Amino acid sequence: MTDDAGLPGPEAPAPADPPRGTARVAVEYCTQCRWLLRAAWVAQELLQTFRTRLGEVALVPGTDGVFRVTLDAGDGPVLLWDRKADGGFPEIPDLKRRVRDAVAPDLALGHTDRAAVRSAGAGEAPPAE
């Protein structure tokens, strides 16, 4: 910017960054099983969805068939998914809902939420008339 005399003037204030979250998600994956790409994809999906609501998404190498997702929102880590206990890998929409419920309950997940409502209603009998 320049003033009326053509001299450099004060810069316009930069737009404020949105507040950054402090929650930490850790995706622990088995290196022997070559699950790095799967873990990176999970991390990418969470970062894309929650943007600045998460402070960090970490990839943690492990062994012995581990694939675990934990969330620490400031009150200690909480296990969101464990491949061995939960039977396989997480469905991304389900994992996003679990993270959302902990760090941003007001956040609408768009098609992820709509799909959950449709699948919940699929097993119900039609209302009696």
N, C-alpha and C. Protein backbone atom coordinates (compact mmCIF):
# COMPACT_ATOMS: atom_id res chain seq x y z
N MET A 1 0.84 -1.17 0.00
CA MET A 1 0.00 0.00 0.00
C MET A 1 0.89 1.24 0.00
N THR A 2 0.36 2.31 -0.58
CA THR A 2 1.08 3.58 -0.55
C THR A 2 0.12 4.66 -0.06
N ASP A 3 0.71 5.71 0.54
CA ASP A 3 -0.13 6.83 0.97
C ASP A 3 -0.26 7.82 -0.19
N ASP A 4 -0.86 8.97 0.06
CA ASP A 4 -1.09 9.95 -1.01
C ASP A 4 0.21 10.47 -1.61
N ALA A 5 1.30 10.45 -0.86
CA ALA A 5 2.58 10.95 -1.36
C ALA A 5 3.34 9.86 -2.11
N GLY A 6 2.77 8.67 -2.23
CA GLY A 6 3.45 7.60 -2.92
C GLY A 6 4.41 6.83 -2.06
N LEU A 7 4.44 7.14 -0.76
CA LEU A 7 5.34 6.43 0.15
C LEU A 7 4.65 5.19 0.69
N PRO A 8 5.44 4.19 1.02
CA PRO A 8 4.82 2.99 1.57
C PRO A 8 4.07 3.31 2.85
N GLY A 9 2.87 2.80 2.96
CA GLY A 9 2.04 3.02 4.14
C GLY A 9 1.88 1.73 4.92
N PRO A 10 1.06 1.78 5.94
CA PRO A 10 0.86 0.58 6.75
C PRO A 10 0.15 -0.50 5.93
N GLU A 11 0.56 -1.70 6.16
CA GLU A 11 -0.06 -2.84 5.48
C GLU A 11 -1.45 -3.09 6.04
N ALA A 12 -2.31 -3.57 5.20
CA ALA A 12 -3.65 -3.95 5.66
C ALA A 12 -3.50 -5.14 6.60
N PRO A 13 -4.29 -5.17 7.65
CA PRO A 13 -4.17 -6.30 8.57
C PRO A 13 -4.53 -7.61 7.88
N ALA A 14 -3.74 -8.61 8.16
CA ALA A 14 -4.00 -9.93 7.59
C ALA A 14 -5.25 -10.52 8.23
N PRO A 15 -6.03 -11.27 7.47
CA PRO A 15 -7.20 -11.89 8.08
C PRO A 15 -6.77 -12.85 9.18
N ALA A 16 -7.55 -12.90 10.23
CA ALA A 16 -7.21 -13.77 11.36
C ALA A 16 -7.39 -15.23 10.97
N ASP A 17 -6.44 -16.04 11.38
CA ASP A 17 -6.57 -17.48 11.16
C ASP A 17 -7.64 -18.02 12.10
N PRO A 18 -8.39 -19.02 11.65
CA PRO A 18 -9.36 -19.61 12.57
C PRO A 18 -8.61 -20.28 13.72
N PRO A 19 -9.23 -20.33 14.88
CA PRO A 19 -8.53 -20.95 16.01
C PRO A 19 -8.22 -22.41 15.71
N ARG A 20 -7.03 -22.81 16.12
CA ARG A 20 -6.60 -24.18 15.88
C ARG A 20 -6.98 -25.05 17.07
N GLY A 21 -7.49 -26.22 16.77
CA GLY A 21 -7.84 -27.16 17.83
C GLY A 21 -6.60 -27.72 18.49
N THR A 22 -6.78 -28.36 19.60
CA THR A 22 -5.66 -28.95 20.32
C THR A 22 -5.74 -30.47 20.36
N ALA A 23 -6.81 -31.03 19.85
CA ALA A 23 -6.98 -32.48 19.89
C ALA A 23 -5.92 -33.16 19.02
N ARG A 24 -5.45 -34.31 19.50
CA ARG A 24 -4.44 -35.08 18.77
C ARG A 24 -5.02 -36.44 18.44
N VAL A 25 -4.96 -36.80 17.17
CA VAL A 25 -5.36 -38.13 16.73
C VAL A 25 -4.09 -38.88 16.37
N ALA A 26 -3.98 -40.11 16.83
CA ALA A 26 -2.85 -40.96 16.48
C ALA A 26 -3.38 -42.19 15.75
N VAL A 27 -2.80 -42.47 14.60
CA VAL A 27 -3.14 -43.66 13.83
C VAL A 27 -1.93 -44.58 13.90
N GLU A 28 -2.04 -45.62 14.71
CA GLU A 28 -0.95 -46.58 14.85
C GLU A 28 -1.20 -47.72 13.88
N TYR A 29 -0.18 -48.04 13.07
CA TYR A 29 -0.34 -49.02 12.01
C TYR A 29 0.83 -50.00 12.02
N CYS A 30 0.60 -51.19 11.48
CA CYS A 30 1.63 -52.23 11.42
C CYS A 30 2.52 -52.02 10.19
N THR A 31 3.82 -51.84 10.44
CA THR A 31 4.75 -51.67 9.33
C THR A 31 5.00 -53.01 8.63
N GLN A 32 4.96 -54.11 9.38
CA GLN A 32 5.18 -55.43 8.78
C GLN A 32 4.06 -55.79 7.81
N CYS A 33 2.87 -55.29 8.09
CA CYS A 33 1.69 -55.56 7.24
C CYS A 33 1.59 -54.57 6.08
N ARG A 34 2.47 -53.56 6.08
CA ARG A 34 2.50 -52.54 5.03
C ARG A 34 1.19 -51.73 4.99
N TRP A 35 0.75 -51.29 6.16
CA TRP A 35 -0.49 -50.53 6.26
C TRP A 35 -0.26 -49.03 6.33
N LEU A 36 0.94 -48.57 5.93
CA LEU A 36 1.22 -47.14 5.95
C LEU A 36 0.24 -46.36 5.07
N LEU A 37 -0.01 -46.82 3.85
CA LEU A 37 -0.90 -46.08 2.96
C LEU A 37 -2.32 -46.01 3.50
N ARG A 38 -2.79 -47.08 4.12
CA ARG A 38 -4.12 -47.07 4.72
C ARG A 38 -4.16 -46.05 5.87
N ALA A 39 -3.12 -46.05 6.70
CA ALA A 39 -3.05 -45.10 7.83
C ALA A 39 -2.98 -43.67 7.32
N ALA A 40 -2.20 -43.44 6.26
CA ALA A 40 -2.08 -42.09 5.70
C ALA A 40 -3.42 -41.64 5.10
N TRP A 41 -4.15 -42.55 4.50
CA TRP A 41 -5.46 -42.22 3.94
C TRP A 41 -6.43 -41.82 5.06
N VAL A 42 -6.43 -42.58 6.15
CA VAL A 42 -7.28 -42.24 7.30
C VAL A 42 -6.90 -40.84 7.81
N ALA A 43 -5.60 -40.58 7.95
CA ALA A 43 -5.14 -39.27 8.42
C ALA A 43 -5.60 -38.16 7.47
N GLN A 44 -5.46 -38.38 6.17
CA GLN A 44 -5.86 -37.39 5.18
C GLN A 44 -7.35 -37.11 5.27
N GLU A 45 -8.16 -38.14 5.42
CA GLU A 45 -9.62 -37.96 5.52
C GLU A 45 -9.98 -37.13 6.76
N LEU A 46 -9.33 -37.41 7.88
CA LEU A 46 -9.62 -36.66 9.10
C LEU A 46 -9.15 -35.21 8.99
N LEU A 47 -7.97 -35.00 8.43
CA LEU A 47 -7.46 -33.63 8.26
C LEU A 47 -8.33 -32.83 7.30
N GLN A 48 -8.77 -33.46 6.23
CA GLN A 48 -9.62 -32.77 5.26
C GLN A 48 -10.97 -32.40 5.87
N THR A 49 -11.52 -33.28 6.67
CA THR A 49 -12.84 -33.04 7.26
C THR A 49 -12.79 -32.04 8.40
N PHE A 50 -11.81 -32.18 9.29
CA PHE A 50 -11.80 -31.37 10.51
C PHE A 50 -10.89 -30.15 10.43
N ARG A 51 -10.10 -30.04 9.38
CA ARG A 51 -9.25 -28.88 9.10
C ARG A 51 -8.55 -28.36 10.34
N THR A 52 -8.93 -27.21 10.85
CA THR A 52 -8.23 -26.63 12.00
C THR A 52 -8.82 -27.06 13.34
N ARG A 53 -9.82 -27.91 13.33
CA ARG A 53 -10.40 -28.36 14.60
C ARG A 53 -9.50 -29.40 15.28
N LEU A 54 -8.57 -29.96 14.54
CA LEU A 54 -7.59 -30.89 15.11
C LEU A 54 -6.25 -30.18 15.16
N GLY A 55 -5.51 -30.43 16.24
CA GLY A 55 -4.19 -29.86 16.35
C GLY A 55 -3.13 -30.69 15.66
N GLU A 56 -3.39 -32.00 15.58
CA GLU A 56 -2.39 -32.91 15.02
C GLU A 56 -3.04 -34.23 14.67
N VAL A 57 -2.58 -34.81 13.57
CA VAL A 57 -2.89 -36.21 13.24
C VAL A 57 -1.54 -36.86 13.00
N ALA A 58 -1.21 -37.84 13.84
CA ALA A 58 0.11 -38.47 13.78
C ALA A 58 0.01 -39.90 13.26
N LEU A 59 1.00 -40.30 12.48
CA LEU A 59 1.14 -41.68 12.05
C LEU A 59 2.19 -42.32 12.94
N VAL A 60 1.82 -43.42 13.60
CA VAL A 60 2.69 -44.06 14.58
C VAL A 60 2.98 -45.49 14.11
N PRO A 61 4.23 -45.77 13.69
CA PRO A 61 4.54 -47.12 13.24
C PRO A 61 4.51 -48.13 14.39
N GLY A 62 3.98 -49.31 14.10
CA GLY A 62 3.90 -50.38 15.10
C GLY A 62 4.13 -51.72 14.41
N THR A 63 3.88 -52.79 15.14
CA THR A 63 4.06 -54.14 14.61
C THR A 63 2.90 -55.02 15.09
N ASP A 64 3.00 -56.30 14.80
CA ASP A 64 2.05 -57.31 15.29
C ASP A 64 0.62 -57.07 14.83
N GLY A 65 0.42 -56.56 13.63
CA GLY A 65 -0.92 -56.42 13.08
C GLY A 65 -1.76 -55.32 13.70
N VAL A 66 -1.10 -54.34 14.32
CA VAL A 66 -1.84 -53.27 14.99
C VAL A 66 -2.40 -52.28 13.97
N PHE A 67 -3.63 -51.86 14.18
CA PHE A 67 -4.21 -50.71 13.50
C PHE A 67 -5.19 -50.10 14.49
N ARG A 68 -4.73 -49.04 15.13
CA ARG A 68 -5.47 -48.43 16.23
C ARG A 68 -5.56 -46.93 15.99
N VAL A 69 -6.72 -46.36 16.30
CA VAL A 69 -6.91 -44.91 16.19
C VAL A 69 -7.29 -44.40 17.57
N THR A 70 -6.50 -43.47 18.10
CA THR A 70 -6.79 -42.88 19.41
C THR A 70 -6.94 -41.37 19.26
N LEU A 71 -7.68 -40.79 20.18
CA LEU A 71 -7.92 -39.36 20.19
C LEU A 71 -7.63 -38.84 21.58
N ASP A 72 -6.82 -37.79 21.66
CA ASP A 72 -6.56 -37.12 22.94
C ASP A 72 -7.03 -35.68 22.79
N ALA A 73 -8.16 -35.38 23.43
CA ALA A 73 -8.73 -34.03 23.37
C ALA A 73 -8.38 -33.23 24.61
N GLY A 74 -7.35 -33.67 25.34
CA GLY A 74 -6.90 -32.93 26.51
C GLY A 74 -7.13 -33.65 27.82
N ASP A 75 -7.93 -34.70 27.79
CA ASP A 75 -8.22 -35.43 29.02
C ASP A 75 -7.72 -36.87 28.94
N GLY A 76 -6.65 -37.08 28.19
CA GLY A 76 -6.06 -38.40 28.05
C GLY A 76 -6.56 -39.09 26.80
N PRO A 77 -5.77 -40.02 26.27
CA PRO A 77 -6.15 -40.69 25.02
C PRO A 77 -7.37 -41.60 25.20
N VAL A 78 -8.22 -41.58 24.18
CA VAL A 78 -9.40 -42.43 24.13
C VAL A 78 -9.30 -43.28 22.87
N LEU A 79 -9.48 -44.57 23.01
CA LEU A 79 -9.42 -45.47 21.87
C LEU A 79 -10.69 -45.33 21.04
N LEU A 80 -10.52 -44.95 19.77
CA LEU A 80 -11.66 -44.83 18.87
C LEU A 80 -11.85 -46.09 18.04
N TRP A 81 -10.74 -46.74 17.71
CA TRP A 81 -10.84 -47.95 16.88
C TRP A 81 -9.63 -48.83 17.13
N ASP A 82 -9.87 -50.12 17.23
CA ASP A 82 -8.80 -51.11 17.34
C ASP A 82 -9.16 -52.25 16.41
N ARG A 83 -8.34 -52.49 15.41
CA ARG A 83 -8.62 -53.51 14.40
C ARG A 83 -8.89 -54.87 15.03
N LYS A 84 -8.11 -55.23 16.03
CA LYS A 84 -8.27 -56.55 16.64
C LYS A 84 -9.56 -56.65 17.45
N ALA A 85 -9.88 -55.62 18.19
CA ALA A 85 -11.09 -55.64 19.04
C ALA A 85 -12.36 -55.39 18.23
N ASP A 86 -12.28 -54.50 17.23
CA ASP A 86 -13.47 -54.11 16.48
C ASP A 86 -13.68 -54.93 15.21
N GLY A 87 -12.74 -55.81 14.91
CA GLY A 87 -12.91 -56.70 13.77
C GLY A 87 -12.71 -56.03 12.42
N GLY A 88 -11.50 -55.66 12.10
CA GLY A 88 -11.20 -55.08 10.80
C GLY A 88 -10.87 -53.61 10.89
N PHE A 89 -10.92 -52.98 9.74
CA PHE A 89 -10.57 -51.56 9.65
C PHE A 89 -11.83 -50.71 9.78
N PRO A 90 -11.66 -49.47 10.24
CA PRO A 90 -12.84 -48.61 10.42
C PRO A 90 -13.40 -48.14 9.08
N GLU A 91 -14.70 -48.00 9.04
CA GLU A 91 -15.34 -47.30 7.93
C GLU A 91 -15.11 -45.82 8.20
N ILE A 92 -14.66 -45.09 7.21
CA ILE A 92 -14.32 -43.67 7.41
C ILE A 92 -15.50 -42.86 7.94
N PRO A 93 -16.72 -43.01 7.42
CA PRO A 93 -17.83 -42.21 7.97
C PRO A 93 -18.04 -42.47 9.47
N ASP A 94 -17.91 -43.71 9.89
CA ASP A 94 -18.08 -44.03 11.31
C ASP A 94 -16.97 -43.39 12.14
N LEU A 95 -15.74 -43.47 11.66
CA LEU A 95 -14.62 -42.86 12.38
C LEU A 95 -14.77 -41.34 12.45
N LYS A 96 -15.21 -40.72 11.37
CA LYS A 96 -15.42 -39.27 11.37
C LYS A 96 -16.49 -38.88 12.40
N ARG A 97 -17.55 -39.67 12.49
CA ARG A 97 -18.59 -39.36 13.49
C ARG A 97 -18.03 -39.46 14.90
N ARG A 98 -17.19 -40.46 15.15
CA ARG A 98 -16.60 -40.61 16.49
C ARG A 98 -15.69 -39.44 16.83
N VAL A 99 -14.89 -39.00 15.88
CA VAL A 99 -14.01 -37.85 16.11
C VAL A 99 -14.86 -36.60 16.29
N ARG A 100 -15.84 -36.40 15.43
CA ARG A 100 -16.71 -35.23 15.51
C ARG A 100 -17.40 -35.14 16.86
N ASP A 101 -17.93 -36.26 17.35
CA ASP A 101 -18.65 -36.26 18.62
C ASP A 101 -17.75 -35.80 19.77
N ALA A 102 -16.45 -36.04 19.64
CA ALA A 102 -15.51 -35.67 20.71
C ALA A 102 -14.98 -34.24 20.58
N VAL A 103 -14.72 -33.79 19.35
CA VAL A 103 -14.04 -32.49 19.21
C VAL A 103 -14.92 -31.37 18.66
N ALA A 104 -15.97 -31.70 17.94
CA ALA A 104 -16.80 -30.65 17.32
C ALA A 104 -18.24 -31.15 17.16
N PRO A 105 -18.94 -31.36 18.28
CA PRO A 105 -20.29 -31.94 18.19
C PRO A 105 -21.26 -31.12 17.34
N ASP A 106 -20.97 -29.84 17.14
CA ASP A 106 -21.84 -28.98 16.35
C ASP A 106 -21.57 -29.07 14.85
N LEU A 107 -20.51 -29.76 14.45
CA LEU A 107 -20.12 -29.83 13.05
C LEU A 107 -21.01 -30.81 12.29
N ALA A 108 -21.61 -30.33 11.20
CA ALA A 108 -22.39 -31.21 10.32
C ALA A 108 -21.42 -31.89 9.36
N LEU A 109 -21.58 -33.18 9.20
CA LEU A 109 -20.69 -33.94 8.32
C LEU A 109 -21.29 -34.16 6.94
N GLY A 110 -22.34 -33.46 6.61
CA GLY A 110 -22.92 -33.53 5.27
C GLY A 110 -23.39 -34.91 4.91
N HIS A 111 -22.91 -35.43 3.77
CA HIS A 111 -23.39 -36.72 3.28
C HIS A 111 -23.10 -37.86 4.25
N THR A 112 -22.07 -37.72 5.07
CA THR A 112 -21.76 -38.76 6.06
C THR A 112 -22.89 -38.87 7.08
N ASP A 113 -23.42 -37.74 7.53
CA ASP A 113 -24.54 -37.76 8.46
C ASP A 113 -25.81 -38.26 7.79
N ARG A 114 -26.06 -37.83 6.57
CA ARG A 114 -27.28 -38.25 5.86
C ARG A 114 -27.28 -39.75 5.62
N ALA A 115 -26.12 -40.32 5.28
CA ALA A 115 -26.04 -41.76 5.06
C ALA A 115 -26.31 -42.52 6.35
N ALA A 116 -25.85 -42.00 7.48
CA ALA A 116 -26.08 -42.66 8.76
C ALA A 116 -27.56 -42.67 9.10
N VAL A 117 -28.26 -41.59 8.81
CA VAL A 117 -29.70 -41.51 9.08
C VAL A 117 -30.44 -42.50 8.19
N ARG A 118 -30.06 -42.58 6.91
CA ARG A 118 -30.72 -43.51 5.99
C ARG A 118 -30.50 -44.95 6.43
N SER A 119 -29.27 -45.31 6.81
CA SER A 119 -29.01 -46.70 7.20
C SER A 119 -29.67 -47.04 8.52
N ALA A 120 -29.81 -46.07 9.41
CA ALA A 120 -30.48 -46.33 10.69
C ALA A 120 -31.96 -46.57 10.46
N GLY A 121 -32.55 -45.90 9.49
CA GLY A 121 -33.97 -46.06 9.22
C GLY A 121 -34.28 -47.24 8.32
N ALA A 122 -33.27 -47.84 7.70
CA ALA A 122 -33.50 -48.92 6.75
C ALA A 122 -34.07 -50.17 7.41
N GLY A 123 -33.73 -50.42 8.65
CA GLY A 123 -34.19 -51.63 9.32
C GLY A 123 -35.51 -51.47 10.05
N GLU A 124 -36.08 -50.28 10.02
CA GLU A 124 -37.32 -50.04 10.75
C GLU A 124 -38.53 -50.40 9.91
N ALA A 125 -39.57 -50.86 10.56
CA ALA A 125 -40.82 -51.15 9.87
C ALA A 125 -41.52 -49.84 9.55
N PRO A 126 -42.28 -49.81 8.47
CA PRO A 126 -43.01 -48.58 8.15
C PRO A 126 -44.04 -48.29 9.24
N PRO A 127 -44.36 -47.02 9.46
CA PRO A 127 -45.32 -46.68 10.51
C PRO A 127 -46.69 -47.25 10.20
N ALA A 128 -47.39 -47.70 11.24
CA ALA A 128 -48.74 -48.24 11.09
C ALA A 128 -49.71 -47.10 10.83
N GLU A 129 -50.67 -47.35 9.96
CA GLU A 129 -51.64 -46.30 9.65
C GLU A 129 -52.95 -46.56 10.32
